[in-house]
Amino acid sequence: MKTKKTLKPWVTNVISILLLAIIGYSGYKIIKIKMDESKTIKIQNEYKLPNIKNDDASEDVESYSEKFNSLKVMNNDFKGWIVFESGLIDLPFVQAKDNDFYLRRNFDKEYSSHGSIFQDYSQDLNGRNITLYGHYVYNNADIMFTPLSTLKDKNSYEANKYFSLYLDREVRKYVIGAVIKYSLTDEPLYQIGDQTDEEFLQFIKYIDTHKLFDTNEEINIDDKLVSLQTCIRNEDDSRWLIIGKLVEVNEIQ
């Protein structure tokens, strides 16, 4: 008669330890994701643009200046806010000496898988094409640049096509001229930093031939642009690129 074979005690112990390690690591990852999400939401709520739509314009300016200066003291890399009129996005943005620093750091310069919204390190705010980067967050559709993915739908575009950059002394209003799905395997999309007229015209041509739908917003060589860039869900080699065209500048005084 055959006897039933059993696992040796040490094998059972090893398997148990491995299972516990897997469960423990999975639990840690879930907790870390939730902690990052909680911090990101807290920063978005606390550091968003102050209400400047009161009846008293002088109080508006004072409130704005106080908020701007307080964030500048907290983080000298702070440049301003990007705010959609619809409320789709309301976030501070920063600029470091390279594009890696804020990729995994929040506004408080603490580690965060969500990073920050940041301007390309090589650009200044007077360039003809400013690039702002932000993460797509898989587990929360409402934070960072994740909401930009909704603009692929024409109806969502129409409802969210205006945004502004709130800077130290002025507000720049933009209309979205194009929504583009960009593949990193394509030819270089645009030159980061200063662009020659020829390079800028090539970029405009790319925009015109790759936009998902017609926005009836023409972009030409005299325009000042903002490019908002974020990842695409489950497509590591692709990016959403939202092109905003400057339509209005108002001083804050």
Foldseek 3Di string as FASTA:
>chain_A
DDDDDDDDPVVVVVVVVVVVVVVVVVVVVVVQQVVLVVVQVVQQVPLFQDDLPDPDNVVSLVVRLVSQVVLCVQPVQWFFWKAWPLRLDTFTEGEDQAPPQQCQADSNSHGHPFGGWYWHNQADPPAQEIEIEGEQDDPDCRGICNVVVVCLDVVVLVSTQKMWTGGNWKIWIWGWQFKFKFFQPDDDLADPHHDDLVRVVSNLVCRVVGGSDGPVDHDDSPWRKYWYWYPDPPRPRIIIITIITTDDMDTRD
